[in-house]
Amino acid sequence: MTNLNDNARAGIFCTTDPAVIVDASAKADLEITPTNMLYVIEGLHYTVASGNGDVQLDATTAHSIADGYSRIYLACILAAGTISVVVGPAVLNTQLASGEAVLAWPVPTADSCPFCGIVVTNATGSAFVAGTTTLDTTSIFCDIYDLWAIPAAPITGIATTQQT
């Protein structure tokens, strides 16, 4: 991301709260709730309309989480309104709980505006498959960080919110 001091056009940020929630219909993805989300990339303003399934967590092995692990997903939006999700490394829940490890923010997609971080903790006894396993599954915990405000960096604990 661009440092605001180094860019005459004012950098990269959201100008409205994306208010991301678990998708009401799919429950395996997320959605942006304002009618229009406003954001800035390299000082240029953009807007995107919202709807169900806006932020899709790809159902790939690389995005899955084994039992006993947590992972952070970073949702980014490009100027054209395309949303990409960057996946951070999986970290053992026991190491997060004891303070031995932290969840590091993944590097955003190039030329995009990061707008949401999703921490998913798996304590189900089986694998969490991103985009397939619903986020309201028992023992799947999901904390959502809207990035129009600055979150704690790094994330030092496991997700604690049971979605409904």
C-alpha atoms as a PDB file:
ATOM      1  CA  MET A   1       0.000   0.000   0.000  1.00  0.00           C
ATOM      2  CA  THR A   2       1.083   3.547  -0.592  1.00  0.00           C
ATOM      3  CA  ASN A   3       2.223   5.801   2.240  1.00  0.00           C
ATOM      4  CA  LEU A   4      -0.024   8.889   2.246  1.00  0.00           C
ATOM      5  CA  ASN A   5       3.016  11.160   2.727  1.00  0.00           C
ATOM      6  CA  ASP A   6       4.572   9.897  -0.510  1.00  0.00           C
ATOM      7  CA  ASN A   7       1.505  10.277  -2.740  1.00  0.00           C
ATOM      8  CA  ALA A   8       0.103  13.632  -3.798  1.00  0.00           C
ATOM      9  CA  ARG A   9      -3.201  11.914  -4.648  1.00  0.00           C
ATOM     10  CA  ALA A  10      -3.834  10.647  -1.092  1.00  0.00           C
ATOM     11  CA  GLY A  11      -3.155   6.914  -1.207  1.00  0.00           C
ATOM     12  CA  ILE A  12      -5.446   3.902  -0.786  1.00  0.00           C
ATOM     13  CA  PHE A  13      -8.415   3.647   1.610  1.00  0.00           C
ATOM     14  CA  CYS A  14     -12.179   3.154   1.976  1.00  0.00           C
ATOM     15  CA  THR A  15     -14.229   6.309   2.375  1.00  0.00           C
ATOM     16  CA  THR A  16     -17.303   4.414   3.575  1.00  0.00           C
ATOM     17  CA  ASP A  17     -17.579   1.565   6.057  1.00  0.00           C
ATOM     18  CA  PRO A  18     -17.996  -1.604   3.952  1.00  0.00           C
ATOM     19  CA  ALA A  19     -19.940  -3.166   6.879  1.00  0.00           C
ATOM     20  CA  VAL A  20     -19.113  -6.688   5.720  1.00  0.00           C
ATOM     21  CA  ILE A  21     -21.281  -9.489   7.173  1.00  0.00           C
ATOM     22  CA  VAL A  22     -21.785 -13.202   6.549  1.00  0.00           C
ATOM     23  CA  ASP A  23     -23.913 -13.581   3.404  1.00  0.00           C
ATOM     24  CA  ALA A  24     -27.509 -14.104   4.538  1.00  0.00           C
ATOM     25  CA  SER A  25     -28.288 -16.624   1.803  1.00  0.00           C
ATOM     26  CA  ALA A  26     -25.060 -18.549   1.150  1.00  0.00           C
ATOM     27  CA  LYS A  27     -23.416 -18.373   4.618  1.00  0.00           C
ATOM     28  CA  ALA A  28     -20.141 -19.625   3.059  1.00  0.00           C
ATOM     29  CA  ASP A  29     -19.320 -16.175   1.674  1.00  0.00           C
ATOM     30  CA  LEU A  30     -19.555 -12.553   2.826  1.00  0.00           C
ATOM     31  CA  GLU A  31     -21.423  -9.510   1.587  1.00  0.00           C
ATOM     32  CA  ILE A  32     -20.950  -5.752   1.625  1.00  0.00           C
ATOM     33  CA  THR A  33     -24.027  -4.123   3.176  1.00  0.00           C
ATOM     34  CA  PRO A  34     -24.032  -0.438   2.099  1.00  0.00           C
ATOM     35  CA  THR A  35     -25.802   0.294  -1.191  1.00  0.00           C
ATOM     36  CA  ASN A  36     -22.540   1.686  -2.549  1.00  0.00           C
ATOM     37  CA  MET A  37     -19.047   1.245  -1.123  1.00  0.00           C
ATOM     38  CA  LEU A  38     -16.747   4.171  -1.874  1.00  0.00           C
ATOM     39  CA  TYR A  39     -12.972   3.682  -2.015  1.00  0.00           C
ATOM     40  CA  VAL A  40      -9.782   5.353  -3.228  1.00  0.00           C
ATOM     41  CA  ILE A  41      -6.887   3.744  -5.126  1.00  0.00           C
ATOM     42  CA  GLU A  42      -3.858   5.942  -5.792  1.00  0.00           C
ATOM     43  CA  GLY A  43      -5.978   9.011  -5.068  1.00  0.00           C
ATOM     44  CA  LEU A  44      -8.752   8.207  -7.576  1.00  0.00           C
ATOM     45  CA  HIS A  45     -12.283   7.668  -6.206  1.00  0.00           C
ATOM     46  CA  TYR A  46     -14.367   4.618  -7.132  1.00  0.00           C
ATOM     47  CA  THR A  47     -17.701   3.130  -6.114  1.00  0.00           C
ATOM     48  CA  VAL A  48     -19.151  -0.372  -6.272  1.00  0.00           C
ATOM     49  CA  ALA A  49     -22.731  -1.538  -5.684  1.00  0.00           C
ATOM     50  CA  SER A  50     -23.188  -4.263  -3.087  1.00  0.00           C
ATOM     51  CA  GLY A  51     -25.097  -7.530  -3.079  1.00  0.00           C
ATOM     52  CA  ASN A  52     -25.146 -11.096  -1.828  1.00  0.00           C
ATOM     53  CA  GLY A  53     -21.929 -13.076  -2.209  1.00  0.00           C
ATOM     54  CA  ASP A  54     -19.751 -10.022  -2.828  1.00  0.00           C
ATOM     55  CA  VAL A  55     -16.713 -11.504  -1.070  1.00  0.00           C
ATOM     56  CA  GLN A  56     -16.239 -15.112  -2.116  1.00  0.00           C
ATOM     57  CA  LEU A  57     -13.797 -17.334  -0.274  1.00  0.00           C
ATOM     58  CA  ASP A  58     -12.473 -19.637  -2.997  1.00  0.00           C
ATOM     59  CA  ALA A  59     -12.997 -23.360  -2.487  1.00  0.00           C
ATOM     60  CA  THR A  60      -9.396 -24.421  -3.053  1.00  0.00           C
ATOM     61  CA  THR A  61      -7.082 -26.562  -0.980  1.00  0.00           C
ATOM     62  CA  ALA A  62      -4.773 -23.582  -0.497  1.00  0.00           C
ATOM     63  CA  HIS A  63      -7.605 -21.632   1.159  1.00  0.00           C
ATOM     64  CA  SER A  64      -8.790 -24.432   3.453  1.00  0.00           C
ATOM     65  CA  ILE A  65      -8.046 -24.656   7.173  1.00  0.00           C
ATOM     66  CA  ALA A  66      -7.213 -27.896   8.976  1.00  0.00           C
ATOM     67  CA  ASP A  67      -8.782 -28.573  12.373  1.00  0.00           C
ATOM     68  CA  GLY A  68      -6.950 -26.707  15.134  1.00  0.00           C
ATOM     69  CA  TYR A  69      -5.740 -23.855  12.897  1.00  0.00           C
ATOM     70  CA  SER A  70      -6.706 -20.240  12.151  1.00  0.00           C
ATOM     71  CA  ARG A  71      -6.110 -18.140   9.074  1.00  0.00           C
ATOM     72  CA  ILE A  72      -6.731 -14.569   7.947  1.00  0.00           C
ATOM     73  CA  TYR A  73      -8.301 -13.723   4.600  1.00  0.00           C
ATOM     74  CA  LEU A  74      -7.819 -10.200   3.184  1.00  0.00           C
ATOM     75  CA  ALA A  75     -10.504  -8.905   0.800  1.00  0.00           C
ATOM     76  CA  CYS A  76      -9.293  -6.317  -1.726  1.00  0.00           C
ATOM     77  CA  ILE A  77     -11.160  -4.398  -4.423  1.00  0.00           C
ATOM     78  CA  LEU A  78      -9.728  -3.270  -7.764  1.00  0.00           C
ATOM     79  CA  ALA A  79     -10.683  -0.080  -9.622  1.00  0.00           C
ATOM     80  CA  ALA A  80     -13.066  -2.058 -11.874  1.00  0.00           C
ATOM     81  CA  GLY A  81     -14.956  -3.336  -8.812  1.00  0.00           C
ATOM     82  CA  THR A  82     -13.511  -6.860  -8.965  1.00  0.00           C
ATOM     83  CA  ILE A  83     -12.927  -8.358  -5.525  1.00  0.00           C
ATOM     84  CA  SER A  84      -9.975 -10.613  -4.770  1.00  0.00           C
ATOM     85  CA  VAL A  85      -9.217 -12.478  -1.560  1.00  0.00           C
ATOM     86  CA  VAL A  86      -5.618 -12.959  -0.419  1.00  0.00           C
ATOM     87  CA  VAL A  87      -4.989 -15.760   2.071  1.00  0.00           C
ATOM     88  CA  GLY A  88      -2.568 -15.638   4.978  1.00  0.00           C
ATOM     89  CA  PRO A  89      -0.718 -18.652   6.365  1.00  0.00           C
ATOM     90  CA  ALA A  90      -2.497 -21.098   8.662  1.00  0.00           C
ATOM     91  CA  VAL A  91      -1.365 -20.864  12.304  1.00  0.00           C
ATOM     92  CA  LEU A  92      -1.981 -23.355  15.130  1.00  0.00           C
ATOM     93  CA  ASN A  93      -4.744 -22.205  17.505  1.00  0.00           C
ATOM     94  CA  THR A  94      -2.684 -23.327  20.508  1.00  0.00           C
ATOM     95  CA  GLN A  95       0.200 -21.070  19.414  1.00  0.00           C
ATOM     96  CA  LEU A  96      -2.175 -18.125  18.948  1.00  0.00           C
ATOM     97  CA  ALA A  97      -3.799 -18.697  22.337  1.00  0.00           C
ATOM     98  CA  SER A  98      -0.430 -18.935  24.105  1.00  0.00           C
ATOM     99  CA  GLY A  99       1.039 -15.896  22.353  1.00  0.00           C
ATOM    100  CA  GLU A 100       3.742 -17.943  20.591  1.00  0.00           C
ATOM    101  CA  ALA A 101       2.452 -16.868  17.156  1.00  0.00           C
ATOM    102  CA  VAL A 102       0.347 -14.170  15.507  1.00  0.00           C
ATOM    103  CA  LEU A 103      -1.762 -13.982  12.374  1.00  0.00           C
ATOM    104  CA  ALA A 104       0.132 -11.797   9.928  1.00  0.00           C
ATOM    105  CA  TRP A 105      -1.785  -9.671   7.426  1.00  0.00           C
ATOM    106  CA  PRO A 106      -1.197 -11.003   3.896  1.00  0.00           C
ATOM    107  CA  VAL A 107       0.132  -8.671   1.188  1.00  0.00           C
ATOM    108  CA  PRO A 108      -2.811  -7.058  -0.670  1.00  0.00           C
ATOM    109  CA  THR A 109      -3.477  -7.634  -4.346  1.00  0.00           C
ATOM    110  CA  ALA A 110      -1.486  -5.121  -6.449  1.00  0.00           C
ATOM    111  CA  ASP A 111      -3.280  -1.841  -7.267  1.00  0.00           C
ATOM    112  CA  SER A 112      -6.225  -2.610  -5.002  1.00  0.00           C
ATOM    113  CA  CYS A 113      -7.901  -1.251  -1.880  1.00  0.00           C
ATOM    114  CA  PRO A 114      -7.986  -3.741   1.041  1.00  0.00           C
ATOM    115  CA  PHE A 115     -11.356  -3.332   2.759  1.00  0.00           C
ATOM    116  CA  CYS A 116     -11.954  -6.345   4.966  1.00  0.00           C
ATOM    117  CA  GLY A 117     -10.041  -8.905   7.009  1.00  0.00           C
ATOM    118  CA  ILE A 118     -11.693 -12.178   7.980  1.00  0.00           C
ATOM    119  CA  VAL A 119     -10.151 -14.335  10.706  1.00  0.00           C
ATOM    120  CA  VAL A 120     -11.483 -17.897  10.659  1.00  0.00           C
ATOM    121  CA  THR A 121     -10.705 -20.344  13.475  1.00  0.00           C
ATOM    122  CA  ASN A 122     -11.432 -24.042  12.966  1.00  0.00           C
ATOM    123  CA  ALA A 123     -12.171 -26.195  16.014  1.00  0.00           C
ATOM    124  CA  THR A 124     -14.558 -28.638  14.318  1.00  0.00           C
ATOM    125  CA  GLY A 125     -12.515 -31.834  14.173  1.00  0.00           C
ATOM    126  CA  SER A 126     -12.532 -31.688  10.354  1.00  0.00           C
ATOM    127  CA  ALA A 127     -11.259 -29.414   7.588  1.00  0.00           C
ATOM    128  CA  PHE A 128     -12.808 -26.008   6.856  1.00  0.00           C
ATOM    129  CA  VAL A 129     -13.142 -25.624   3.087  1.00  0.00           C
ATOM    130  CA  ALA A 130     -13.305 -21.929   2.204  1.00  0.00           C
ATOM    131  CA  GLY A 131     -16.314 -21.075   0.063  1.00  0.00           C
ATOM    132  CA  THR A 132     -17.988 -24.414   0.863  1.00  0.00           C
ATOM    133  CA  THR A 133     -18.099 -24.826   4.659  1.00  0.00           C
ATOM    134  CA  THR A 134     -20.618 -22.340   6.018  1.00  0.00           C
ATOM    135  CA  LEU A 135     -19.318 -19.707   8.409  1.00  0.00           C
ATOM    136  CA  ASP A 136     -22.115 -20.478  10.882  1.00  0.00           C
ATOM    137  CA  THR A 137     -20.980 -24.104  11.339  1.00  0.00           C
ATOM    138  CA  THR A 138     -20.621 -25.136  14.993  1.00  0.00           C
ATOM    139  CA  SER A 139     -16.999 -24.680  16.149  1.00  0.00           C
ATOM    140  CA  ILE A 140     -16.111 -22.408  13.211  1.00  0.00           C
ATOM    141  CA  PHE A 141     -15.427 -18.948  14.591  1.00  0.00           C
ATOM    142  CA  CYS A 142     -15.238 -15.925  12.298  1.00  0.00           C
ATOM    143  CA  ASP A 143     -14.211 -12.372  13.227  1.00  0.00           C
ATOM    144  CA  ILE A 144     -14.668  -9.702  10.547  1.00  0.00           C
ATOM    145  CA  TYR A 145     -12.515  -6.550  10.489  1.00  0.00           C
ATOM    146  CA  ASP A 146     -13.774  -3.663   8.349  1.00  0.00           C
ATOM    147  CA  LEU A 147     -10.631  -1.852   7.251  1.00  0.00           C
ATOM    148  CA  TRP A 148     -11.986   1.658   7.045  1.00  0.00           C
ATOM    149  CA  ALA A 149     -10.763   1.745  10.648  1.00  0.00           C
ATOM    150  CA  ILE A 150      -7.263   0.509  11.456  1.00  0.00           C
ATOM    151  CA  PRO A 151      -7.313  -2.971  13.092  1.00  0.00           C
ATOM    152  CA  ALA A 152      -4.778  -4.334  15.530  1.00  0.00           C
ATOM    153  CA  ALA A 153      -1.641  -5.410  13.739  1.00  0.00           C
ATOM    154  CA  PRO A 154      -0.857  -8.195  14.084  1.00  0.00           C
ATOM    155  CA  ILE A 155      -3.935 -10.174  15.140  1.00  0.00           C
ATOM    156  CA  THR A 156      -2.842 -11.894  18.336  1.00  0.00           C
ATOM    157  CA  GLY A 157      -5.635 -14.345  19.103  1.00  0.00           C
ATOM    158  CA  ILE A 158      -8.071 -16.813  17.651  1.00  0.00           C
ATOM    159  CA  ALA A 159     -11.460 -15.769  16.262  1.00  0.00           C
ATOM    160  CA  THR A 160     -14.156 -15.838  18.940  1.00  0.00           C
ATOM    161  CA  THR A 161     -17.407 -14.953  17.145  1.00  0.00           C
ATOM    162  CA  GLN A 162     -19.846 -17.784  16.379  1.00  0.00           C
ATOM    163  CA  GLN A 163     -21.787 -16.549  13.331  1.00  0.00           C
ATOM    164  CA  THR A 164     -25.517 -17.199  13.085  1.00  0.00           C
END
